[in-house]
PDB file of N, CA and C in Angstrom:
ATOM      1  N   UNK A   1      29.728 114.287 140.850  1.00  0.00           N
ATOM      2  CA  UNK A   1      30.051 114.353 139.388  1.00  0.00           C
ATOM      3  C   UNK A   1      31.388 114.034 138.917  1.00  0.00           C
ATOM      4  N   UNK A   2      31.605 113.346 137.932  1.00  0.00           N
ATOM      5  CA  UNK A   2      32.812 113.177 137.334  1.00  0.00           C
ATOM      6  C   UNK A   2      33.417 114.164 136.388  1.00  0.00           C
ATOM      7  N   UNK A   3      34.432 114.617 136.731  1.00  0.00           N
ATOM      8  CA  UNK A   3      35.179 115.567 135.852  1.00  0.00           C
ATOM      9  C   UNK A   3      36.501 115.153 135.252  1.00  0.00           C
ATOM     10  N   UNK A   4      36.786 115.596 134.019  1.00  0.00           N
ATOM     11  CA  UNK A   4      38.178 115.229 133.616  1.00  0.00           C
ATOM     12  C   UNK A   4      38.912 116.548 133.691  1.00  0.00           C
ATOM     13  N   UNK A   5      39.921 116.659 134.266  1.00  0.00           N
ATOM     14  CA  UNK A   5      40.812 117.859 134.540  1.00  0.00           C
ATOM     15  C   UNK A   5      41.516 117.972 133.229  1.00  0.00           C
ATOM     16  N   UNK A   6      41.354 119.301 132.722  1.00  0.00           N
ATOM     17  CA  UNK A   6      42.202 119.788 131.444  1.00  0.00           C
ATOM     18  C   UNK A   6      43.150 120.850 131.718  1.00  0.00           C
ATOM     19  N   UNK A   7      43.333 121.511 133.084  1.00  0.00           N
ATOM     20  CA  UNK A   7      44.238 122.450 133.402  1.00  0.00           C
ATOM     21  C   UNK A   7      44.425 122.159 134.618  1.00  0.00           C
ATOM     22  N   UNK A   8      45.880 122.460 135.026  1.00  0.00           N
ATOM     23  CA  UNK A   8      46.226 122.303 136.445  1.00  0.00           C
ATOM     24  C   UNK A   8      45.366 123.482 137.406  1.00  0.00           C
ATOM     25  N   UNK A   9      44.853 122.874 138.583  1.00  0.00           N
ATOM     26  CA  UNK A   9      44.403 123.674 139.392  1.00  0.00           C
ATOM     27  C   UNK A   9      44.405 123.048 140.898  1.00  0.00           C
ATOM     28  N   UNK A  10      44.273 124.053 141.953  1.00  0.00           N
ATOM     29  CA  UNK A  10      44.389 123.686 143.305  1.00  0.00           C
ATOM     30  C   UNK A  10      42.981 124.019 143.937  1.00  0.00           C
ATOM     31  N   UNK A  11      42.355 122.944 144.477  1.00  0.00           N
ATOM     32  CA  UNK A  11      41.249 123.418 145.152  1.00  0.00           C
ATOM     33  C   UNK A  11      41.372 123.470 146.635  1.00  0.00           C
ATOM     34  N   UNK A  12      40.640 124.389 147.461  1.00  0.00           N
ATOM     35  CA  UNK A  12      40.798 124.399 148.906  1.00  0.00           C
ATOM     36  C   UNK A  12      39.333 124.566 149.274  1.00  0.00           C
ATOM     37  N   UNK A  13      38.911 123.552 150.144  1.00  0.00           N
ATOM     38  CA  UNK A  13      37.666 123.595 150.648  1.00  0.00           C
ATOM     39  C   UNK A  13      37.562 122.866 152.029  1.00  0.00           C
ATOM     40  N   UNK A  14      36.526 122.706 152.476  1.00  0.00           N
ATOM     41  CA  UNK A  14      36.264 121.910 153.935  1.00  0.00           C
ATOM     42  C   UNK A  14      37.213 120.622 154.006  1.00  0.00           C
ATOM     43  N   UNK A  15      37.417 120.026 153.055  1.00  0.00           N
ATOM     44  CA  UNK A  15      38.079 118.660 153.034  1.00  0.00           C
ATOM     45  C   UNK A  15      39.387 118.831 152.942  1.00  0.00           C
ATOM     46  N   UNK A  16      40.076 120.064 152.632  1.00  0.00           N
ATOM     47  CA  UNK A  16      41.451 120.299 152.626  1.00  0.00           C
ATOM     48  C   UNK A  16      41.885 120.832 151.246  1.00  0.00           C
ATOM     49  N   UNK A  17      43.240 120.830 150.934  1.00  0.00           N
ATOM     50  CA  UNK A  17      43.681 121.354 149.615  1.00  0.00           C
ATOM     51  C   UNK A  17      43.951 120.111 148.824  1.00  0.00           C
ATOM     52  N   UNK A  18      43.572 120.237 147.563  1.00  0.00           N
ATOM     53  CA  UNK A  18      43.860 119.270 146.458  1.00  0.00           C
ATOM     54  C   UNK A  18      44.488 119.889 145.319  1.00  0.00           C
ATOM     55  N   UNK A  19      45.534 119.270 144.971  1.00  0.00           N
ATOM     56  CA  UNK A  19      46.159 119.712 143.562  1.00  0.00           C
ATOM     57  C   UNK A  19      45.720 118.792 142.450  1.00  0.00           C
ATOM     58  N   UNK A  20      44.996 119.297 141.537  1.00  0.00           N
ATOM     59  CA  UNK A  20      44.698 118.488 140.289  1.00  0.00           C
ATOM     60  C   UNK A  20      45.279 118.701 139.034  1.00  0.00           C
ATOM     61  N   UNK A  21      45.933 117.748 138.419  1.00  0.00           N
ATOM     62  CA  UNK A  21      46.722 117.849 137.220  1.00  0.00           C
ATOM     63  C   UNK A  21      45.841 117.260 136.023  1.00  0.00           C
ATOM     64  N   UNK A  22      46.260 117.816 134.853  1.00  0.00           N
ATOM     65  CA  UNK A  22      45.671 117.557 133.441  1.00  0.00           C
ATOM     66  C   UNK A  22      45.541 115.933 133.277  1.00  0.00           C
ATOM     67  N   UNK A  23      44.475 115.382 132.667  1.00  0.00           N
ATOM     68  CA  UNK A  23      44.458 114.086 132.550  1.00  0.00           C
ATOM     69  C   UNK A  23      43.628 113.100 133.643  1.00  0.00           C
ATOM     70  N   UNK A  24      43.592 113.882 134.762  1.00  0.00           N
ATOM     71  CA  UNK A  24      43.144 113.106 135.911  1.00  0.00           C
ATOM     72  C   UNK A  24      41.450 113.088 135.895  1.00  0.00           C
ATOM     73  N   UNK A  25      40.808 112.007 136.171  1.00  0.00           N
ATOM     74  CA  UNK A  25      39.336 111.988 136.274  1.00  0.00           C
ATOM     75  C   UNK A  25      39.042 111.831 137.663  1.00  0.00           C
ATOM     76  N   UNK A  26      38.214 112.805 138.298  1.00  0.00           N
ATOM     77  CA  UNK A  26      37.893 112.752 139.656  1.00  0.00           C
ATOM     78  C   UNK A  26      36.282 112.892 139.782  1.00  0.00           C
ATOM     79  N   UNK A  27      35.894 112.468 141.122  1.00  0.00           N
ATOM     80  CA  UNK A  27      34.484 112.510 141.497  1.00  0.00           C
ATOM     81  C   UNK A  27      34.540 113.549 142.476  1.00  0.00           C
ATOM     82  N   UNK A  28      33.782 114.711 142.189  1.00  0.00           N
ATOM     83  CA  UNK A  28      33.733 115.984 143.031  1.00  0.00           C
ATOM     84  C   UNK A  28      32.254 116.107 143.525  1.00  0.00           C
ATOM     85  N   UNK A  29      32.018 116.751 144.482  1.00  0.00           N
ATOM     86  CA  UNK A  29      30.831 117.195 145.064  1.00  0.00           C
ATOM     87  C   UNK A  29      30.424 118.602 144.026  1.00  0.00           C
ATOM     88  N   UNK A  30      29.141 118.859 144.174  1.00  0.00           N
ATOM     89  CA  UNK A  30      28.659 119.962 143.183  1.00  0.00           C
ATOM     90  C   UNK A  30      29.356 121.318 143.391  1.00  0.00           C
ATOM     91  N   UNK A  31      29.722 121.575 144.586  1.00  0.00           N
ATOM     92  CA  UNK A  31      30.397 123.040 144.778  1.00  0.00           C
ATOM     93  C   UNK A  31      31.786 123.037 144.251  1.00  0.00           C
ATOM     94  N   UNK A  32      32.519 121.975 144.469  1.00  0.00           N
ATOM     95  CA  UNK A  32      33.837 121.912 143.949  1.00  0.00           C
ATOM     96  C   UNK A  32      33.888 121.701 142.407  1.00  0.00           C
ATOM     97  N   UNK A  33      32.890 120.899 141.883  1.00  0.00           N
ATOM     98  CA  UNK A  33      32.767 120.767 140.506  1.00  0.00           C
ATOM     99  C   UNK A  33      32.431 122.110 139.864  1.00  0.00           C
ATOM    100  N   UNK A  34      31.505 122.805 140.328  1.00  0.00           N
ATOM    101  CA  UNK A  34      31.097 124.071 139.831  1.00  0.00           C
ATOM    102  C   UNK A  34      32.244 125.117 139.702  1.00  0.00           C
ATOM    103  N   UNK A  35      33.061 125.104 140.876  1.00  0.00           N
ATOM    104  CA  UNK A  35      34.317 125.834 140.724  1.00  0.00           C
ATOM    105  C   UNK A  35      35.246 125.461 139.784  1.00  0.00           C
ATOM    106  N   UNK A  36      35.373 124.455 139.522  1.00  0.00           N
ATOM    107  CA  UNK A  36      36.274 123.694 138.494  1.00  0.00           C
ATOM    108  C   UNK A  36      35.882 124.194 137.144  1.00  0.00           C
ATOM    109  N   UNK A  37      34.579 123.869 136.714  1.00  0.00           N
ATOM    110  CA  UNK A  37      33.948 124.267 135.589  1.00  0.00           C
ATOM    111  C   UNK A  37      33.784 125.737 135.247  1.00  0.00           C
ATOM    112  N   UNK A  38      33.701 126.408 136.340  1.00  0.00           N
ATOM    113  CA  UNK A  38      33.695 128.099 136.222  1.00  0.00           C
ATOM    114  C   UNK A  38      35.024 128.405 135.704  1.00  0.00           C
ATOM    115  N   UNK A  39      36.170 127.924 136.306  1.00  0.00           N
ATOM    116  CA  UNK A  39      37.469 128.288 135.873  1.00  0.00           C
ATOM    117  C   UNK A  39      37.899 127.506 134.466  1.00  0.00           C
ATOM    118  N   UNK A  40      37.020 126.701 133.910  1.00  0.00           N
ATOM    119  CA  UNK A  40      37.373 126.261 132.775  1.00  0.00           C
ATOM    120  C   UNK A  40      38.679 125.206 132.701  1.00  0.00           C
ATOM    121  N   UNK A  41      38.649 124.582 134.010  1.00  0.00           N
ATOM    122  CA  UNK A  41      39.792 123.782 134.272  1.00  0.00           C
ATOM    123  C   UNK A  41      39.474 122.295 134.006  1.00  0.00           C
ATOM    124  N   UNK A  42      38.274 122.087 133.634  1.00  0.00           N
ATOM    125  CA  UNK A  42      37.837 120.543 133.370  1.00  0.00           C
ATOM    126  C   UNK A  42      36.614 120.389 132.689  1.00  0.00           C
ATOM    127  N   UNK A  43      36.334 119.234 132.255  1.00  0.00           N
ATOM    128  CA  UNK A  43      35.135 119.019 131.354  1.00  0.00           C
ATOM    129  C   UNK A  43      34.329 117.870 132.140  1.00  0.00           C
ATOM    130  N   UNK A  44      33.022 118.282 132.298  1.00  0.00           N
ATOM    131  CA  UNK A  44      32.026 117.380 133.043  1.00  0.00           C
ATOM    132  C   UNK A  44      31.872 116.007 132.111  1.00  0.00           C
ATOM    133  N   UNK A  45      32.069 114.857 132.754  1.00  0.00           N
ATOM    134  CA  UNK A  45      31.940 113.603 132.046  1.00  0.00           C
ATOM    135  C   UNK A  45      30.534 113.090 132.318  1.00  0.00           C
ATOM    136  N   UNK A  46      30.280 113.036 133.729  1.00  0.00           N
ATOM    137  CA  UNK A  46      28.836 112.485 134.145  1.00  0.00           C
ATOM    138  C   UNK A  46      28.280 113.314 135.207  1.00  0.00           C
ATOM    139  N   UNK A  47      27.163 113.875 134.903  1.00  0.00           N
ATOM    140  CA  UNK A  47      26.480 114.632 136.009  1.00  0.00           C
ATOM    141  C   UNK A  47      26.205 113.665 137.264  1.00  0.00           C
ATOM    142  N   UNK A  48      26.000 114.275 138.339  1.00  0.00           N
ATOM    143  CA  UNK A  48      25.564 113.475 139.421  1.00  0.00           C
ATOM    144  C   UNK A  48      24.383 112.598 139.413  1.00  0.00           C
ATOM    145  N   UNK A  49      23.404 112.917 138.758  1.00  0.00           N
ATOM    146  CA  UNK A  49      22.163 112.026 138.563  1.00  0.00           C
ATOM    147  C   UNK A  49      22.476 111.126 137.727  1.00  0.00           C
ATOM    148  N   UNK A  50      23.283 111.215 136.744  1.00  0.00           N
ATOM    149  CA  UNK A  50      23.544 110.252 135.657  1.00  0.00           C
ATOM    150  C   UNK A  50      24.665 109.218 136.067  1.00  0.00           C
ATOM    151  N   UNK A  51      25.363 109.531 137.027  1.00  0.00           N
ATOM    152  CA  UNK A  51      26.286 108.687 137.545  1.00  0.00           C
ATOM    153  C   UNK A  51      25.717 107.689 138.559  1.00  0.00           C
ATOM    154  N   UNK A  52      24.566 108.209 139.259  1.00  0.00           N
ATOM    155  CA  UNK A  52      23.852 107.303 140.109  1.00  0.00           C
ATOM    156  C   UNK A  52      22.911 106.363 139.279  1.00  0.00           C
ATOM    157  N   UNK A  53      22.416 106.712 138.265  1.00  0.00           N
ATOM    158  CA  UNK A  53      21.608 105.773 137.455  1.00  0.00           C
ATOM    159  C   UNK A  53      22.412 104.918 136.590  1.00  0.00           C
ATOM    160  N   UNK A  54      23.652 105.146 136.283  1.00  0.00           N
ATOM    161  CA  UNK A  54      24.489 104.449 135.498  1.00  0.00           C
ATOM    162  C   UNK A  54      24.927 103.143 136.206  1.00  0.00           C
ATOM    163  N   UNK A  55      24.898 103.337 137.660  1.00  0.00           N
ATOM    164  CA  UNK A  55      25.392 102.184 138.384  1.00  0.00           C
ATOM    165  C   UNK A  55      24.430 101.092 138.491  1.00  0.00           C
ATOM    166  N   UNK A  56      23.163 101.457 138.167  1.00  0.00           N
ATOM    167  CA  UNK A  56      22.297 100.426 138.282  1.00  0.00           C
ATOM    168  C   UNK A  56      21.763  99.934 136.748  1.00  0.00           C
ATOM    169  N   UNK A  57      22.176 100.576 135.749  1.00  0.00           N
ATOM    170  CA  UNK A  57      21.934 100.102 134.491  1.00  0.00           C
ATOM    171  C   UNK A  57      22.689  99.115 134.041  1.00  0.00           C
ATOM    172  N   UNK A  58      22.205  98.227 133.009  1.00  0.00           N
ATOM    173  CA  UNK A  58      23.115  97.127 132.451  1.00  0.00           C
ATOM    174  C   UNK A  58      24.034  97.624 131.380  1.00  0.00           C
ATOM    175  N   UNK A  59      25.049  96.997 131.192  1.00  0.00           N
ATOM    176  CA  UNK A  59      25.894  97.304 130.158  1.00  0.00           C
ATOM    177  C   UNK A  59      25.205  96.978 128.669  1.00  0.00           C
ATOM    178  N   UNK A  60      25.293  97.764 127.748  1.00  0.00           N
ATOM    179  CA  UNK A  60      24.689  97.555 126.433  1.00  0.00           C
ATOM    180  C   UNK A  60      25.323  96.464 125.773  1.00  0.00           C
ATOM    181  N   UNK A  61      24.555  95.611 124.886  1.00  0.00           N
ATOM    182  CA  UNK A  61      25.324  94.624 124.308  1.00  0.00           C
ATOM    183  C   UNK A  61      26.008  95.200 123.031  1.00  0.00           C
ATOM    184  N   UNK A  62      27.248  94.623 122.804  1.00  0.00           N
ATOM    185  CA  UNK A  62      27.986  95.217 121.734  1.00  0.00           C
ATOM    186  C   UNK A  62      27.607  94.501 120.396  1.00  0.00           C
ATOM    187  N   UNK A  63      27.486  95.322 119.334  1.00  0.00           N
ATOM    188  CA  UNK A  63      27.191  94.745 118.047  1.00  0.00           C
ATOM    189  C   UNK A  63      28.397  93.888 117.453  1.00  0.00           C
ATOM    190  N   UNK A  64      28.234  93.070 116.894  1.00  0.00           N
ATOM    191  CA  UNK A  64      29.355  92.237 116.342  1.00  0.00           C
ATOM    192  C   UNK A  64      30.189  92.915 115.213  1.00  0.00           C
ATOM    193  N   UNK A  65      31.424  93.109 115.493  1.00  0.00           N
ATOM    194  CA  UNK A  65      32.290  93.634 114.463  1.00  0.00           C
ATOM    195  C   UNK A  65      32.371  92.940 113.178  1.00  0.00           C
ATOM    196  N   UNK A  66      32.429  93.740 112.065  1.00  0.00           N
ATOM    197  CA  UNK A  66      32.607  92.974 110.901  1.00  0.00           C
ATOM    198  C   UNK A  66      34.039  93.233 110.305  1.00  0.00           C
ATOM    199  N   UNK A  67      34.717  92.440 109.781  1.00  0.00           N
ATOM    200  CA  UNK A  67      36.255  92.689 109.231  1.00  0.00           C
ATOM    201  C   UNK A  67      36.142  93.821 108.305  1.00  0.00           C
ATOM    202  N   UNK A  68      37.257  94.582 108.213  1.00  0.00           N
ATOM    203  CA  UNK A  68      37.353  95.660 107.219  1.00  0.00           C
ATOM    204  C   UNK A  68      37.491  95.240 105.805  1.00  0.00           C
ATOM    205  N   UNK A  69      36.726  95.896 104.895  1.00  0.00           N
ATOM    206  CA  UNK A  69      36.862  95.392 103.576  1.00  0.00           C
ATOM    207  C   UNK A  69      38.191  95.993 102.901  1.00  0.00           C
ATOM    208  N   UNK A  70      38.681  94.842 101.983  1.00  0.00           N
ATOM    209  CA  UNK A  70      39.994  95.221 101.507  1.00  0.00           C
ATOM    210  C   UNK A  70      39.858  96.367 100.275  1.00  0.00           C
ATOM    211  N   UNK A  71      40.789  97.176 100.364  1.00  0.00           N
ATOM    212  CA  UNK A  71      40.842  98.089  99.149  1.00  0.00           C
ATOM    213  C   UNK A  71      41.925  97.878  98.183  1.00  0.00           C
ATOM    214  N   UNK A  72      41.935  98.509  96.993  1.00  0.00           N
ATOM    215  CA  UNK A  72      42.918  98.260  95.981  1.00  0.00           C
ATOM    216  C   UNK A  72      44.361  98.816  96.483  1.00  0.00           C
ATOM    217  N   UNK A  73      44.266  99.671  97.314  1.00  0.00           N
ATOM    218  CA  UNK A  73      45.508 100.195  97.947  1.00  0.00           C
ATOM    219  C   UNK A  73      46.169  99.239  98.943  1.00  0.00           C
ATOM    220  N   UNK A  74      45.439  98.393  99.519  1.00  0.00           N
ATOM    221  CA  UNK A  74      45.867  97.352 100.401  1.00  0.00           C
ATOM    222  C   UNK A  74      46.625  96.286  99.681  1.00  0.00           C
ATOM    223  N   UNK A  75      46.090  95.900  98.325  1.00  0.00           N
ATOM    224  CA  UNK A  75      46.650  94.696  97.680  1.00  0.00           C
ATOM    225  C   UNK A  75      48.054  95.316  96.878  1.00  0.00           C
ATOM    226  N   UNK A  76      48.254  96.755  96.841  1.00  0.00           N
ATOM    227  CA  UNK A  76      49.425  97.087  96.105  1.00  0.00           C
ATOM    228  C   UNK A  76      50.612  97.149  97.236  1.00  0.00           C
ATOM    229  N   UNK A  77      50.170  97.178  98.480  1.00  0.00           N
ATOM    230  CA  UNK A  77      51.201  97.441  99.633  1.00  0.00           C
ATOM    231  C   UNK A  77      51.985  96.176  99.836  1.00  0.00           C
TER     232      UNK A  77
END
């Protein structure tokens, strides 16, 4: 699971001790992710099954962007 860290937290598990800082995006196992979400220290970005299927999906085609229409306020500036 991919988690965006929103609060500082230290995780201690079988793989060791990890200090996580806000703004960091991490890939965690279900147990560690559950602990982090329970403490409200992160936001779920991609669940485990979505991350696996996203690796095989094609990137969506972008719609062509249209230029911004000029407004009367733009002409005065």
